[in-house]
C-alpha atoms as a PDB file:
ATOM      1  CA  MET A   1       0.000   0.000   0.000  1.00  0.00           C
ATOM      2  CA  VAL A   2       1.233   3.456  -0.840  1.00  0.00           C
ATOM      3  CA  GLU A   3       0.252   6.060   1.724  1.00  0.00           C
ATOM      4  CA  THR A   4       1.114   9.687   1.242  1.00  0.00           C
ATOM      5  CA  ASP A   5       0.121  12.604   3.454  1.00  0.00           C
ATOM      6  CA  THR A   6      -1.966  13.988   0.598  1.00  0.00           C
ATOM      7  CA  ALA A   7      -3.802  10.701  -0.004  1.00  0.00           C
ATOM      8  CA  ALA A   8      -4.347  10.092   3.710  1.00  0.00           C
ATOM      9  CA  GLN A   9      -6.199  13.405   4.046  1.00  0.00           C
ATOM     10  CA  LEU A  10      -8.331  12.955   0.916  1.00  0.00           C
ATOM     11  CA  PRO A  11     -12.044  13.155   1.810  1.00  0.00           C
ATOM     12  CA  ILE A  12     -14.020  10.155   0.537  1.00  0.00           C
ATOM     13  CA  SER A  13     -17.439   8.616   1.002  1.00  0.00           C
ATOM     14  CA  VAL A  14     -17.857   4.905   1.673  1.00  0.00           C
ATOM     15  CA  THR A  15     -21.242   3.398   0.830  1.00  0.00           C
ATOM     16  CA  HIS A  16     -22.259   0.207   2.613  1.00  0.00           C
ATOM     17  CA  HIS A  17     -24.829  -2.299   1.333  1.00  0.00           C
ATOM     18  CA  HIS A  18     -26.276  -5.206   3.346  1.00  0.00           C
ATOM     19  CA  ASN A  19     -25.136  -7.718   0.720  1.00  0.00           C
ATOM     20  CA  LEU A  20     -25.033  -8.491  -2.983  1.00  0.00           C
ATOM     21  CA  PHE A  21     -28.785  -9.060  -3.148  1.00  0.00           C
ATOM     22  CA  VAL A  22     -29.950  -5.835  -1.451  1.00  0.00           C
ATOM     23  CA  PRO A  23     -29.302  -2.950  -3.881  1.00  0.00           C
ATOM     24  CA  THR A  24     -30.366  -0.120  -1.572  1.00  0.00           C
ATOM     25  CA  GLN A  25     -27.852   1.796   0.492  1.00  0.00           C
ATOM     26  CA  TRP A  26     -27.473   0.641   4.089  1.00  0.00           C
ATOM     27  CA  THR A  27     -25.254   3.484   5.322  1.00  0.00           C
ATOM     28  CA  ALA A  28     -22.932   6.102   3.898  1.00  0.00           C
ATOM     29  CA  GLU A  29     -19.858   7.267   5.761  1.00  0.00           C
ATOM     30  CA  ALA A  30     -17.925  10.473   5.152  1.00  0.00           C
ATOM     31  CA  THR A  31     -14.292   9.833   6.032  1.00  0.00           C
ATOM     32  CA  THR A  32     -10.760  10.216   4.676  1.00  0.00           C
ATOM     33  CA  TRP A  33      -8.709   7.736   2.679  1.00  0.00           C
ATOM     34  CA  GLY A  34      -6.296   7.330   5.607  1.00  0.00           C
ATOM     35  CA  ALA A  35      -9.083   6.637   8.119  1.00  0.00           C
ATOM     36  CA  PHE A  36     -10.721   4.163   5.720  1.00  0.00           C
ATOM     37  CA  VAL A  37      -7.478   2.219   5.225  1.00  0.00           C
ATOM     38  CA  ALA A  38      -6.751   2.250   8.974  1.00  0.00           C
ATOM     39  CA  GLY A  39     -10.243   0.903   9.662  1.00  0.00           C
ATOM     40  CA  VAL A  40      -9.904  -1.931   7.144  1.00  0.00           C
ATOM     41  CA  LEU A  41      -6.497  -2.884   8.518  1.00  0.00           C
ATOM     42  CA  ALA A  42      -7.734  -2.746  12.133  1.00  0.00           C
ATOM     43  CA  THR A  43     -10.749  -4.939  11.342  1.00  0.00           C
ATOM     44  CA  GLY A  44      -8.695  -7.703   9.771  1.00  0.00           C
ATOM     45  CA  HIS A  45     -10.014 -10.527   7.635  1.00  0.00           C
ATOM     46  CA  ARG A  46     -13.048 -12.437   8.868  1.00  0.00           C
ATOM     47  CA  HIS A  47     -13.488 -16.029   7.728  1.00  0.00           C
ATOM     48  CA  ASP A  48     -16.879 -16.528   9.401  1.00  0.00           C
ATOM     49  CA  VAL A  49     -19.050 -15.002   6.699  1.00  0.00           C
ATOM     50  CA  ILE A  50     -20.324 -16.313   3.374  1.00  0.00           C
ATOM     51  CA  LYS A  51     -19.122 -14.102   0.547  1.00  0.00           C
ATOM     52  CA  GLU A  52     -22.559 -13.729  -1.069  1.00  0.00           C
ATOM     53  CA  SER A  53     -24.184 -12.570   2.170  1.00  0.00           C
ATOM     54  CA  ALA A  54     -21.319 -10.375   3.398  1.00  0.00           C
ATOM     55  CA  PRO A  55     -21.748  -6.581   3.541  1.00  0.00           C
ATOM     56  CA  LEU A  56     -20.450  -4.687   0.498  1.00  0.00           C
ATOM     57  CA  ILE A  57     -18.419  -1.488   0.527  1.00  0.00           C
ATOM     58  CA  SER A  58     -18.090   0.920  -2.371  1.00  0.00           C
ATOM     59  CA  LEU A  59     -16.104   4.106  -2.792  1.00  0.00           C
ATOM     60  CA  TYR A  60     -18.937   6.157  -4.244  1.00  0.00           C
ATOM     61  CA  ALA A  61     -21.864   8.268  -3.080  1.00  0.00           C
ATOM     62  CA  LEU A  62     -25.473   7.648  -4.056  1.00  0.00           C
ATOM     63  CA  ARG A  63     -28.332  10.112  -4.330  1.00  0.00           C
ATOM     64  CA  PRO A  64     -30.685   9.940  -1.324  1.00  0.00           C
ATOM     65  CA  GLY A  65     -32.807   6.807  -1.635  1.00  0.00           C
ATOM     66  CA  GLY A  66     -30.643   5.621  -4.529  1.00  0.00           C
ATOM     67  CA  LYS A  67     -29.839   2.032  -5.384  1.00  0.00           C
ATOM     68  CA  ARG A  68     -26.600   0.356  -6.443  1.00  0.00           C
ATOM     69  CA  SER A  69     -26.945   1.610  -9.998  1.00  0.00           C
ATOM     70  CA  ASN A  70     -24.904   3.844 -12.290  1.00  0.00           C
ATOM     71  CA  ALA A  71     -27.881   6.185 -12.592  1.00  0.00           C
ATOM     72  CA  ASP A  72     -27.897   6.835  -8.820  1.00  0.00           C
ATOM     73  CA  VAL A  73     -24.155   7.507  -8.349  1.00  0.00           C
ATOM     74  CA  THR A  74     -23.423  11.159  -7.578  1.00  0.00           C
ATOM     75  CA  ALA A  75     -19.642  10.970  -6.964  1.00  0.00           C
ATOM     76  CA  VAL A  76     -16.854   8.408  -7.318  1.00  0.00           C
ATOM     77  CA  TYR A  77     -13.978   8.370  -4.814  1.00  0.00           C
ATOM     78  CA  GLY A  78     -12.061   5.288  -5.921  1.00  0.00           C
ATOM     79  CA  ILE A  79     -12.152   2.205  -8.096  1.00  0.00           C
ATOM     80  CA  CYS A  80     -12.276  -1.441  -7.227  1.00  0.00           C
ATOM     81  CA  LEU A  81     -10.449  -4.022  -9.304  1.00  0.00           C
ATOM     82  CA  ASP A  82     -11.718  -7.610  -9.155  1.00  0.00           C
ATOM     83  CA  PHE A  83      -9.162 -10.380  -9.655  1.00  0.00           C
ATOM     84  CA  ASP A  84     -11.380 -13.468  -9.788  1.00  0.00           C
ATOM     85  CA  ASP A  85      -9.361 -16.635 -10.284  1.00  0.00           C
ATOM     86  CA  ARG A  86      -6.105 -14.752 -10.920  1.00  0.00           C
ATOM     87  CA  PRO A  87      -2.836 -16.055  -9.517  1.00  0.00           C
ATOM     88  CA  LEU A  88      -1.310 -14.033  -6.685  1.00  0.00           C
ATOM     89  CA  PRO A  89       1.674 -12.858  -8.804  1.00  0.00           C
ATOM     90  CA  ASP A  90      -0.789 -11.086 -11.164  1.00  0.00           C
ATOM     91  CA  VAL A  91      -2.396  -9.249  -8.245  1.00  0.00           C
ATOM     92  CA  ILE A  92       0.994  -8.273  -6.839  1.00  0.00           C
ATOM     93  CA  ALA A  93       2.152  -7.035 -10.263  1.00  0.00           C
ATOM     94  CA  CYS A  94      -0.930  -4.808 -10.564  1.00  0.00           C
ATOM     95  CA  THR A  95      -0.442  -3.417  -7.048  1.00  0.00           C
ATOM     96  CA  GLU A  96       3.230  -2.705  -7.749  1.00  0.00           C
ATOM     97  CA  ALA A  97       2.343  -0.946 -11.027  1.00  0.00           C
ATOM     98  CA  LEU A  98      -0.144   1.291  -9.175  1.00  0.00           C
ATOM     99  CA  GLN A  99       2.439   2.064  -6.491  1.00  0.00           C
ATOM    100  CA  ALA A 100       5.040   2.906  -9.133  1.00  0.00           C
ATOM    101  CA  GLU A 101       2.626   5.525 -10.493  1.00  0.00           C
ATOM    102  CA  GLY A 102       2.130   6.996  -7.010  1.00  0.00           C
ATOM    103  CA  VAL A 103      -1.441   5.735  -6.680  1.00  0.00           C
ATOM    104  CA  ALA A 104      -2.656   5.167  -3.120  1.00  0.00           C
ATOM    105  CA  CYS A 105      -4.155   1.698  -2.975  1.00  0.00           C
ATOM    106  CA  LEU A 106      -5.430  -0.977  -0.650  1.00  0.00           C
ATOM    107  CA  CYS A 107      -5.387  -4.633  -1.647  1.00  0.00           C
ATOM    108  CA  TYR A 108      -7.738  -7.025   0.152  1.00  0.00           C
ATOM    109  CA  THR A 109      -9.578 -10.236  -0.566  1.00  0.00           C
ATOM    110  CA  THR A 110     -13.027 -11.591   0.097  1.00  0.00           C
END
């Protein structure tokens, strides 16, 4: 993970959904990139949930009452890359390429 003072202070919004099957917003949290990363790292990885029923997080804001839909997104604060069935070296290579460009990133798995 690359963490710079500028990135750590960047205001973001994190949208939470109950799970993959509930498209409406559960909560939205105004925070900073640094606080978001610290929270993810402090929480750790839980193995006691089923992926399909686990809460979802997204780095975007939705209009009030909006659903998980492009039409309801009002701002984007980050992107999420999905590496289904990719070998670990591919994921590491992507992370290193982002870091080489000075992009603040967080790599985690479900």
